[in-house]
Structures are given as C-alpha cells and as structure tokens.
Protein backbone atom coordinates (compact mmCIF):
# COMPACT_ATOMS: atom_id res chain seq x y z
CA UNK A 1 -21.03 -2.67 -8.33
CA UNK A 2 -22.23 -5.63 -10.39
CA UNK A 3 -24.74 -7.94 -8.74
CA UNK A 4 -23.17 -10.76 -6.73
CA UNK A 5 -19.84 -9.04 -6.36
CA UNK A 6 -19.40 -8.10 -2.73
CA UNK A 7 -16.38 -7.17 -0.73
CA UNK A 8 -13.61 -9.72 -0.72
CA UNK A 9 -11.58 -10.53 2.40
CA UNK A 10 -7.84 -10.94 1.84
CA UNK A 11 -5.15 -11.59 4.43
CA UNK A 12 -1.95 -9.70 3.75
CA UNK A 13 1.26 -9.75 5.73
CA UNK A 14 3.18 -6.58 6.52
CA UNK A 15 6.37 -6.74 8.62
CA UNK A 16 5.39 -10.17 9.92
CA UNK A 17 1.89 -9.14 11.04
CA UNK A 18 -1.27 -10.36 9.28
CA UNK A 19 -3.98 -7.88 8.31
CA UNK A 20 -7.35 -8.85 6.89
CA UNK A 21 -8.48 -6.32 4.30
CA UNK A 22 -12.00 -6.03 2.90
CA UNK A 23 -12.44 -4.41 -0.50
CA UNK A 24 -14.31 -4.56 -3.78
CA UNK A 25 -10.92 -4.71 -5.57
CA UNK A 26 -9.70 -8.04 -6.92
CA UNK A 27 -7.80 -10.41 -4.65
CA UNK A 28 -4.82 -10.10 -6.98
CA UNK A 29 -4.80 -6.31 -6.66
CA UNK A 30 -5.03 -6.45 -2.87
CA UNK A 31 -2.18 -8.94 -2.71
CA UNK A 32 -0.10 -6.72 -4.94
CA UNK A 33 -0.80 -3.66 -2.78
CA UNK A 34 0.13 -5.66 0.35
CA UNK A 35 3.37 -6.82 -1.22
CA UNK A 36 4.26 -3.30 -2.25
CA UNK A 37 3.61 -1.80 1.16
CA UNK A 38 5.48 -4.67 2.88
CA UNK A 39 8.44 -4.19 0.55
CA UNK A 40 8.62 -0.45 1.22
CA UNK A 41 8.29 -0.90 4.97
CA UNK A 42 10.83 -3.74 5.06
CA UNK A 43 13.31 -1.53 3.19
CA UNK A 44 12.94 1.21 5.76
CA UNK A 45 13.00 -1.22 8.69
CA UNK A 46 16.30 -2.70 7.44
CA UNK A 47 17.77 0.76 6.84
CA UNK A 48 16.67 2.04 10.28
CA UNK A 49 16.49 -1.02 12.57
CA UNK A 50 15.83 1.00 15.73
CA UNK A 51 12.94 2.99 14.27
CA UNK A 52 9.46 2.07 15.60
CA UNK A 53 6.99 0.32 13.32
CA UNK A 54 4.68 3.32 13.75
CA UNK A 55 7.33 5.72 12.39
CA UNK A 56 8.13 3.32 9.54
CA UNK A 57 4.44 3.21 8.62
CA UNK A 58 4.18 7.05 8.66
CA UNK A 59 7.33 7.45 6.48
CA UNK A 60 6.03 4.76 4.09
CA UNK A 61 2.69 6.58 3.87
CA UNK A 62 4.43 9.84 3.10
CA UNK A 63 6.55 8.20 0.42
CA UNK A 64 3.49 6.57 -1.23
CA UNK A 65 1.53 9.86 -1.05
CA UNK A 66 4.45 11.72 -2.62
CA UNK A 67 4.64 9.23 -5.48
CA UNK A 68 0.86 9.44 -6.04
CA UNK A 69 0.87 13.23 -6.11
CA UNK A 70 3.80 13.28 -8.52
CA UNK A 71 1.95 10.91 -10.87
CA UNK A 72 -1.21 13.00 -10.71
CA UNK A 73 0.74 16.14 -11.59
CA UNK A 74 2.38 14.35 -14.50
CA UNK A 75 -1.07 13.24 -15.73
CA UNK A 76 -2.39 16.83 -15.56
CA UNK A 77 0.58 18.12 -17.56
CA UNK A 78 0.02 15.54 -20.28
CA UNK A 79 -3.63 16.51 -20.69
CA UNK A 80 -2.72 20.12 -21.59
C-alpha cells in the first residue's frame, strides 16, 4: 500500500439500507460494487416479493460466486 493511502469509508445503499464499507479500493470501485449488489438483490426482491432479505442476500451471493468461478475457469482455459 502506498504511503498516505489508508482505508476509505464509503456509504452504499442496498435494498434501502445504508452500509458503511471500509476498503483500500477506490471510492468509485466501492460505489460500483454497491450498485451491482443492490441491482441484483432488487431484481430478486421484485421477482420474489415474499422472500426474506436474508434469503435474497444468500441467493445473490451464490449467483455472484457462480459468475466469479465461471470467469476464473474461462481465464484458466485461455492460458493453456
């Protein structure tokens, strides 16, 4: 980490709730991540209005993890 660059605090909103995130990533990156997560969770919440926020968060996490693993596999196949 370069000198003088500490963790940044960024408030992001997900499903109407505010979360303060601390990270070494840029503010822009954290805002983009927050918007992405909020978008995915909102999509599920609208599709399944009676599903709990907890279940929506778990399903969103599984979807994001699936996407990440697929991208990693694609990257490994390209290196060969």
